[in-house]
Protein backbone atom coordinates (compact mmCIF):
# COMPACT_ATOMS: atom_id res chain seq x y z
CA MET A 1 -14.18 4.95 1.45
CA ASN A 2 -13.56 1.18 1.08
CA ARG A 3 -13.17 -1.73 3.48
CA ILE A 4 -10.24 -3.42 1.78
CA LYS A 5 -7.96 -3.35 4.80
CA GLU A 6 -10.68 -4.64 7.13
CA VAL A 7 -11.67 -7.44 4.73
CA LEU A 8 -7.98 -8.54 4.27
CA LYS A 9 -7.48 -8.63 8.08
CA ASP A 10 -10.70 -10.60 8.55
CA LYS A 11 -9.66 -13.06 5.88
CA GLY A 12 -6.04 -13.34 7.09
CA ILE A 13 -4.70 -12.17 3.72
CA SER A 14 -1.73 -9.87 3.28
CA GLN A 15 -1.64 -6.79 1.14
CA THR A 16 1.46 -8.28 -0.52
CA TRP A 17 -0.46 -11.42 -1.54
CA LEU A 18 -3.28 -9.32 -3.00
CA ALA A 19 -0.73 -7.13 -4.86
CA ASP A 20 0.78 -10.26 -6.38
CA LYS A 21 -2.64 -11.59 -7.46
CA MET A 22 -3.63 -8.28 -8.87
CA GLY A 23 -0.33 -7.64 -10.72
CA LYS A 24 -0.09 -4.34 -8.92
CA SER A 25 2.61 -2.92 -6.62
CA TYR A 26 2.34 -3.31 -2.86
CA ASN A 27 2.34 0.51 -2.57
CA THR A 28 -0.86 0.68 -4.78
CA ILE A 29 -2.70 -1.88 -2.69
CA ASN A 30 -1.57 -0.20 0.49
CA GLU A 31 -2.91 3.11 -0.70
CA TYR A 32 -6.28 1.46 -1.40
CA ALA A 33 -6.24 -0.22 1.99
CA ARG A 34 -5.41 3.03 3.80
CA ASN A 35 -8.05 4.98 1.71
CA LYS A 36 -5.36 7.24 0.41
CA ARG A 37 -6.45 6.28 -3.08
CA GLN A 38 -9.66 4.68 -4.35
CA PRO A 39 -9.58 1.85 -6.87
CA SER A 40 -11.57 2.14 -10.07
CA ILE A 41 -14.77 0.13 -10.33
CA GLU A 42 -13.04 -2.40 -12.57
CA VAL A 43 -10.23 -2.85 -9.95
CA LEU A 44 -12.76 -3.06 -7.14
CA PHE A 45 -14.59 -5.89 -8.94
CA LYS A 46 -11.32 -7.65 -9.59
CA ILE A 47 -10.31 -7.47 -5.86
CA ALA A 48 -13.73 -8.79 -4.96
CA GLU A 49 -13.32 -11.70 -7.39
CA ILE A 50 -9.97 -12.58 -5.99
CA LEU A 51 -11.28 -12.47 -2.45
CA ASN A 52 -14.39 -14.49 -3.47
CA MET A 53 -16.92 -11.96 -2.34
CA GLU A 54 -19.36 -9.30 -3.76
CA ALA A 55 -17.86 -5.93 -4.64
CA LYS A 56 -20.42 -4.16 -2.59
CA GLU A 57 -19.03 -5.90 0.50
CA LEU A 58 -15.80 -3.98 -0.07
CA ILE A 59 -17.62 -0.64 0.28
CA GLU A 60 -20.57 -1.18 2.53
CA LYS A 61 -20.34 -1.29 6.30
CA ARG A 62 -21.70 -4.47 7.75
CA ASP A 63 -24.64 -4.27 10.16
CA ILE A 64 -23.73 -5.87 13.36
CA LYS A 65 -26.83 -7.47 14.87
CA LYS A 66 -26.89 -8.60 18.38
């Protein structure tokens, strides 16, 4: 499972924007975001690069400390 949808929402970035940056269709990005399909490791690293974050942040749940 990945956190792409959550990260995009947190950053205020649309799936359409990410699809354009990735050179992929909206449907592909939407399937990744809904966990209907998992991106390859290479694609996951590319998404992380575009979003200016570590790839592991796209797959690990954050610890919420109070």
